[in-house]
N, C-alpha and C. Protein backbone atom coordinates (compact mmCIF):
# COMPACT_ATOMS: atom_id res chain seq x y z
N UNK A 1 85.02 100.94 105.86
CA UNK A 1 84.52 99.99 104.86
C UNK A 1 83.75 100.71 103.78
N UNK A 2 83.62 100.02 102.66
CA UNK A 2 82.86 100.54 101.51
C UNK A 2 81.88 99.47 101.07
N UNK A 3 80.63 99.92 100.84
CA UNK A 3 79.63 99.02 100.28
C UNK A 3 79.36 99.47 98.83
N UNK A 4 79.32 98.50 97.95
CA UNK A 4 79.21 98.79 96.51
C UNK A 4 77.92 98.18 95.91
N UNK A 5 77.22 98.98 95.11
CA UNK A 5 76.00 98.49 94.50
C UNK A 5 76.03 98.86 93.01
N UNK A 6 76.06 97.80 92.18
CA UNK A 6 76.07 98.00 90.72
C UNK A 6 74.68 98.14 90.16
N UNK A 7 74.59 98.81 89.05
CA UNK A 7 73.35 98.91 88.32
C UNK A 7 73.66 99.18 86.83
N UNK A 8 72.62 99.09 86.00
CA UNK A 8 72.79 99.41 84.58
C UNK A 8 72.91 98.24 83.65
N UNK A 9 72.95 97.03 84.19
CA UNK A 9 73.01 95.86 83.34
C UNK A 9 71.71 95.62 82.61
N UNK A 10 71.73 94.69 81.66
CA UNK A 10 70.50 94.38 80.92
C UNK A 10 70.84 93.60 79.68
N UNK A 11 69.81 93.55 78.79
CA UNK A 11 69.92 92.82 77.54
C UNK A 11 70.12 93.85 76.41
N UNK A 12 71.13 93.61 75.60
CA UNK A 12 71.43 94.49 74.49
C UNK A 12 71.83 93.67 73.27
N UNK A 13 71.62 94.22 72.09
CA UNK A 13 72.01 93.49 70.88
C UNK A 13 73.48 93.71 70.56
N UNK A 14 74.00 92.79 69.79
CA UNK A 14 75.40 92.94 69.34
C UNK A 14 75.61 94.30 68.69
N UNK A 15 76.68 94.93 69.08
CA UNK A 15 77.01 96.28 68.56
C UNK A 15 76.44 97.41 69.41
N UNK A 16 75.64 97.07 70.37
CA UNK A 16 75.00 98.11 71.20
C UNK A 16 75.94 98.57 72.32
N UNK A 17 75.36 99.42 73.17
CA UNK A 17 76.12 100.03 74.28
C UNK A 17 75.34 99.90 75.59
N UNK A 18 76.05 99.93 76.66
CA UNK A 18 75.51 99.98 78.00
C UNK A 18 76.47 100.76 78.87
N UNK A 19 75.92 101.44 79.88
CA UNK A 19 76.74 102.08 80.88
C UNK A 19 76.38 101.52 82.25
N UNK A 20 77.37 100.91 82.86
CA UNK A 20 77.20 100.40 84.20
C UNK A 20 77.60 101.46 85.22
N UNK A 21 76.90 101.44 86.35
CA UNK A 21 77.25 102.33 87.45
C UNK A 21 77.52 101.51 88.72
N UNK A 22 78.35 102.02 89.56
CA UNK A 22 78.61 101.37 90.83
C UNK A 22 78.63 102.48 91.88
N UNK A 23 77.62 102.48 92.74
CA UNK A 23 77.54 103.50 93.78
C UNK A 23 78.15 102.95 95.07
N UNK A 24 78.95 103.78 95.68
CA UNK A 24 79.67 103.40 96.89
C UNK A 24 79.15 104.17 98.07
N UNK A 25 79.01 103.51 99.20
CA UNK A 25 78.63 104.18 100.44
C UNK A 25 79.90 104.58 101.16
N UNK A 26 79.76 105.44 102.14
CA UNK A 26 80.93 105.81 102.94
C UNK A 26 81.58 107.08 102.40
N UNK A 27 82.42 107.64 103.26
CA UNK A 27 83.07 108.90 102.94
C UNK A 27 84.44 108.74 102.34
N UNK A 28 84.92 107.51 102.23
CA UNK A 28 86.27 107.31 101.84
C UNK A 28 86.41 106.74 100.41
N UNK A 29 85.40 106.97 99.62
CA UNK A 29 85.42 106.43 98.24
C UNK A 29 86.67 106.87 97.49
N UNK A 30 87.04 108.12 97.63
CA UNK A 30 88.19 108.63 96.89
C UNK A 30 89.52 108.04 97.38
N UNK A 31 89.51 107.26 98.43
CA UNK A 31 90.71 106.63 98.94
C UNK A 31 91.00 105.30 98.24
N UNK A 32 90.06 104.84 97.41
CA UNK A 32 90.16 103.54 96.82
C UNK A 32 90.36 103.58 95.34
N UNK A 33 91.27 102.70 94.87
CA UNK A 33 91.27 102.32 93.45
C UNK A 33 90.01 101.53 93.21
N UNK A 34 89.36 101.76 92.06
CA UNK A 34 88.16 101.06 91.72
C UNK A 34 88.36 100.25 90.43
N UNK A 35 87.64 99.16 90.34
CA UNK A 35 87.83 98.33 89.17
C UNK A 35 86.52 97.62 88.83
N UNK A 36 86.47 97.15 87.61
CA UNK A 36 85.39 96.29 87.13
C UNK A 36 85.97 94.94 86.71
N UNK A 37 85.28 93.90 87.13
CA UNK A 37 85.62 92.54 86.72
C UNK A 37 84.32 91.94 86.13
N UNK A 38 84.46 90.81 85.49
CA UNK A 38 83.28 90.10 84.98
C UNK A 38 83.50 88.61 85.08
N UNK A 39 82.36 87.91 85.13
CA UNK A 39 82.43 86.47 85.22
C UNK A 39 81.32 85.84 84.39
N UNK A 40 81.70 85.09 83.38
CA UNK A 40 80.76 84.38 82.53
C UNK A 40 80.51 82.98 83.15
N UNK A 41 79.36 82.38 82.81
CA UNK A 41 79.07 81.05 83.33
C UNK A 41 80.16 80.05 83.04
N UNK A 42 80.62 79.36 84.08
CA UNK A 42 81.64 78.33 83.89
C UNK A 42 83.03 78.86 83.77
N UNK A 43 83.22 80.16 83.87
CA UNK A 43 84.55 80.72 83.71
C UNK A 43 84.98 81.46 84.97
N UNK A 44 86.28 81.69 85.07
CA UNK A 44 86.78 82.42 86.22
C UNK A 44 86.48 83.93 86.04
N UNK A 45 86.52 84.60 87.17
CA UNK A 45 86.31 86.04 87.15
C UNK A 45 87.49 86.67 86.48
N UNK A 46 87.26 87.61 85.56
CA UNK A 46 88.35 88.23 84.84
C UNK A 46 88.29 89.75 84.97
N UNK A 47 89.47 90.32 84.89
CA UNK A 47 89.63 91.76 85.01
C UNK A 47 89.13 92.45 83.75
N UNK A 48 88.49 93.60 83.96
CA UNK A 48 88.01 94.42 82.82
C UNK A 48 88.75 95.75 82.76
N UNK A 49 88.71 96.49 83.86
CA UNK A 49 89.34 97.82 83.87
C UNK A 49 89.48 98.30 85.29
N UNK A 50 90.44 99.22 85.50
CA UNK A 50 90.61 99.84 86.83
C UNK A 50 90.94 101.31 86.66
N UNK A 51 90.70 102.05 87.74
CA UNK A 51 90.93 103.51 87.71
C UNK A 51 91.52 103.90 89.05
N UNK A 52 92.46 104.82 88.98
CA UNK A 52 93.16 105.26 90.22
C UNK A 52 92.24 106.11 91.06
N UNK A 53 92.69 106.42 92.25
CA UNK A 53 91.86 107.18 93.22
C UNK A 53 91.42 108.50 92.69
N UNK A 54 92.30 109.20 92.00
CA UNK A 54 91.92 110.51 91.50
C UNK A 54 91.23 110.44 90.12
N UNK A 55 91.35 109.28 89.48
CA UNK A 55 90.82 109.15 88.14
C UNK A 55 91.79 109.48 87.06
N UNK A 56 93.01 109.84 87.43
CA UNK A 56 93.98 110.27 86.42
C UNK A 56 94.63 109.13 85.65
N UNK A 57 94.54 107.92 86.24
CA UNK A 57 95.17 106.75 85.57
C UNK A 57 94.12 105.65 85.42
N UNK A 58 94.16 105.01 84.29
CA UNK A 58 93.26 103.90 84.00
C UNK A 58 94.06 102.71 83.44
N UNK A 59 93.45 101.55 83.51
CA UNK A 59 94.16 100.32 83.15
C UNK A 59 93.12 99.36 82.62
N UNK A 60 93.32 98.83 81.45
CA UNK A 60 92.30 97.99 80.79
C UNK A 60 92.88 96.61 80.42
N UNK A 61 92.00 95.64 80.44
CA UNK A 61 92.35 94.37 79.85
C UNK A 61 92.42 94.58 78.33
N UNK A 62 93.35 93.85 77.70
CA UNK A 62 93.64 94.08 76.29
C UNK A 62 92.41 93.96 75.39
N UNK A 63 91.55 92.99 75.70
CA UNK A 63 90.43 92.76 74.79
C UNK A 63 89.32 93.84 74.92
N UNK A 64 89.38 94.59 76.03
CA UNK A 64 88.36 95.63 76.27
C UNK A 64 88.84 97.01 75.89
N UNK A 65 90.11 97.18 75.74
CA UNK A 65 90.66 98.50 75.46
C UNK A 65 90.15 98.99 74.14
N UNK A 66 89.66 100.24 74.13
CA UNK A 66 89.09 100.79 72.92
C UNK A 66 87.59 100.65 72.81
N UNK A 67 87.01 99.70 73.50
CA UNK A 67 85.56 99.52 73.49
C UNK A 67 84.95 99.96 74.83
N UNK A 68 85.70 99.77 75.92
CA UNK A 68 85.18 100.05 77.26
C UNK A 68 85.93 101.26 77.83
N UNK A 69 85.23 102.07 78.61
CA UNK A 69 85.82 103.22 79.28
C UNK A 69 85.38 103.25 80.71
N UNK A 70 86.35 103.28 81.62
CA UNK A 70 86.07 103.38 83.05
C UNK A 70 86.27 104.86 83.47
N UNK A 71 85.40 105.34 84.35
CA UNK A 71 85.50 106.67 84.84
C UNK A 71 84.91 106.69 86.28
N UNK A 72 85.14 107.78 86.98
CA UNK A 72 84.63 107.89 88.31
C UNK A 72 84.26 109.32 88.63
N UNK A 73 83.36 109.48 89.55
CA UNK A 73 82.96 110.81 90.08
C UNK A 73 83.06 110.72 91.59
N UNK A 74 84.11 111.34 92.13
CA UNK A 74 84.36 111.24 93.55
C UNK A 74 83.42 112.15 94.38
N UNK A 75 82.68 112.99 93.71
CA UNK A 75 81.64 113.75 94.43
C UNK A 75 80.39 112.86 94.58
N UNK A 76 80.05 112.14 93.56
CA UNK A 76 78.92 111.29 93.57
C UNK A 76 79.21 109.88 94.12
N UNK A 77 80.48 109.63 94.45
CA UNK A 77 80.89 108.32 94.98
C UNK A 77 80.48 107.20 94.02
N UNK A 78 80.72 107.39 92.73
CA UNK A 78 80.25 106.43 91.74
C UNK A 78 81.41 106.16 90.71
N UNK A 79 81.49 104.93 90.33
CA UNK A 79 82.39 104.55 89.24
C UNK A 79 81.54 104.01 88.10
N UNK A 80 81.93 104.27 86.86
CA UNK A 80 81.17 103.90 85.70
C UNK A 80 81.97 103.01 84.77
N UNK A 81 81.26 102.25 83.99
CA UNK A 81 81.89 101.49 82.91
C UNK A 81 81.01 101.67 81.66
N UNK A 82 81.52 102.47 80.73
CA UNK A 82 80.84 102.65 79.44
C UNK A 82 81.31 101.55 78.52
N UNK A 83 80.36 100.75 78.00
CA UNK A 83 80.67 99.65 77.15
C UNK A 83 80.07 99.86 75.80
N UNK A 84 80.89 99.86 74.76
CA UNK A 84 80.45 100.09 73.36
C UNK A 84 80.78 98.89 72.50
N UNK A 85 80.16 98.81 71.38
CA UNK A 85 80.41 97.75 70.41
C UNK A 85 80.39 96.38 71.10
N UNK A 86 79.32 96.15 71.83
CA UNK A 86 79.21 94.92 72.65
C UNK A 86 79.09 93.70 71.75
N UNK A 87 79.68 92.62 72.24
CA UNK A 87 79.71 91.32 71.51
C UNK A 87 79.08 90.26 72.43
N UNK A 88 78.61 89.19 71.83
CA UNK A 88 78.03 88.11 72.65
C UNK A 88 79.00 87.62 73.72
N UNK A 89 80.30 87.60 73.43
CA UNK A 89 81.28 87.13 74.41
C UNK A 89 81.47 88.08 75.59
N UNK A 90 80.83 89.25 75.52
CA UNK A 90 80.86 90.16 76.68
C UNK A 90 79.77 89.78 77.67
N UNK A 91 78.94 88.82 77.36
CA UNK A 91 77.91 88.40 78.30
C UNK A 91 78.52 87.83 79.56
N UNK A 92 78.09 88.40 80.70
CA UNK A 92 78.69 88.02 81.98
C UNK A 92 77.99 88.78 83.10
N UNK A 93 78.28 88.41 84.31
CA UNK A 93 77.92 89.23 85.46
C UNK A 93 79.13 90.17 85.69
N UNK A 94 78.85 91.47 85.79
CA UNK A 94 79.86 92.45 85.94
C UNK A 94 79.88 92.92 87.41
N UNK A 95 81.09 92.95 88.02
CA UNK A 95 81.23 93.31 89.39
C UNK A 95 82.14 94.56 89.49
N UNK A 96 81.83 95.45 90.37
CA UNK A 96 82.78 96.48 90.71
C UNK A 96 83.49 96.10 92.01
N UNK A 97 84.67 96.64 92.16
CA UNK A 97 85.49 96.28 93.34
C UNK A 97 86.35 97.47 93.72
N UNK A 98 86.66 97.53 95.00
CA UNK A 98 87.52 98.60 95.56
C UNK A 98 88.74 98.01 96.21
N UNK A 99 89.86 98.67 96.00
CA UNK A 99 91.11 98.23 96.59
C UNK A 99 92.09 99.38 96.76
N UNK A 100 93.33 99.05 96.99
CA UNK A 100 94.31 100.10 97.25
C UNK A 100 95.39 100.16 96.17
N UNK A 101 95.42 99.15 95.26
CA UNK A 101 96.42 99.14 94.22
C UNK A 101 95.74 99.10 92.85
N UNK A 102 96.36 99.73 91.89
CA UNK A 102 95.82 99.71 90.52
C UNK A 102 96.35 98.44 89.84
N UNK A 103 95.64 97.33 90.08
CA UNK A 103 96.08 96.06 89.49
C UNK A 103 94.91 95.35 88.83
N UNK A 104 95.22 94.27 88.22
CA UNK A 104 94.19 93.44 87.57
C UNK A 104 93.89 92.16 88.38
N UNK A 105 94.52 92.04 89.52
CA UNK A 105 94.35 90.80 90.32
C UNK A 105 93.18 90.90 91.31
N UNK A 106 92.31 89.89 91.24
CA UNK A 106 91.16 89.94 92.14
C UNK A 106 91.60 89.96 93.62
N UNK A 107 92.71 89.36 93.94
CA UNK A 107 93.16 89.27 95.34
C UNK A 107 93.52 90.63 95.90
N UNK A 108 93.75 91.61 95.05
CA UNK A 108 94.15 92.94 95.51
C UNK A 108 92.94 93.82 95.79
N UNK A 109 91.77 93.32 95.63
CA UNK A 109 90.53 94.13 95.88
C UNK A 109 89.78 93.57 97.08
N UNK A 110 89.49 94.44 98.01
CA UNK A 110 88.90 94.04 99.29
C UNK A 110 87.39 94.12 99.32
N UNK A 111 86.82 94.97 98.50
CA UNK A 111 85.38 95.26 98.54
C UNK A 111 84.78 94.91 97.19
N UNK A 112 83.61 94.25 97.23
CA UNK A 112 82.98 93.81 95.99
C UNK A 112 81.47 94.08 96.06
N UNK A 113 80.94 94.42 94.91
CA UNK A 113 79.49 94.55 94.82
C UNK A 113 78.85 93.21 94.51
N UNK A 114 77.54 93.18 94.36
CA UNK A 114 76.81 91.94 94.15
C UNK A 114 76.74 91.52 92.68
N UNK A 115 77.11 92.44 91.81
CA UNK A 115 77.12 92.16 90.39
C UNK A 115 75.85 92.57 89.66
N UNK A 116 75.99 92.80 88.37
CA UNK A 116 74.87 93.12 87.50
C UNK A 116 75.05 92.35 86.21
N UNK A 117 73.95 91.75 85.74
CA UNK A 117 74.03 90.87 84.57
C UNK A 117 73.98 91.69 83.29
N UNK A 118 74.87 91.40 82.40
CA UNK A 118 74.91 91.96 81.06
C UNK A 118 74.77 90.80 80.07
N UNK A 119 73.78 90.88 79.22
CA UNK A 119 73.57 89.85 78.21
C UNK A 119 73.56 90.50 76.85
N UNK A 120 74.41 90.02 75.96
CA UNK A 120 74.50 90.57 74.60
C UNK A 120 73.99 89.49 73.63
N UNK A 121 72.90 89.80 72.95
CA UNK A 121 72.29 88.86 72.01
C UNK A 121 72.91 88.99 70.64
N UNK A 122 73.02 87.87 69.95
CA UNK A 122 73.59 87.86 68.61
C UNK A 122 72.54 88.07 67.54
């Protein structure tokens, strides 16, 4: 099993940047595809980005591509989400997740963190 703990959320102004981190416990971190999802109040959880086990492949939701960058460090057992040019509509709770397939579907991810709040002020 993998336990995931997100950090790095907070309040930022429009146009600003944040870097989220997700620390994983266990020795099998490199066996999992990792992803970020987000959920705004009253909305369904949506896919943000995913990264393959080695980090060689990445996959982004269309609206985030070019502004967000997912990366991972398999020595530190951590996955990151660098978010630039933030907009008020990026306000949400951001979750990291671990799975075995590089997909955008929540059902394909077995392990989830507790989430970290990102608020972008206008």
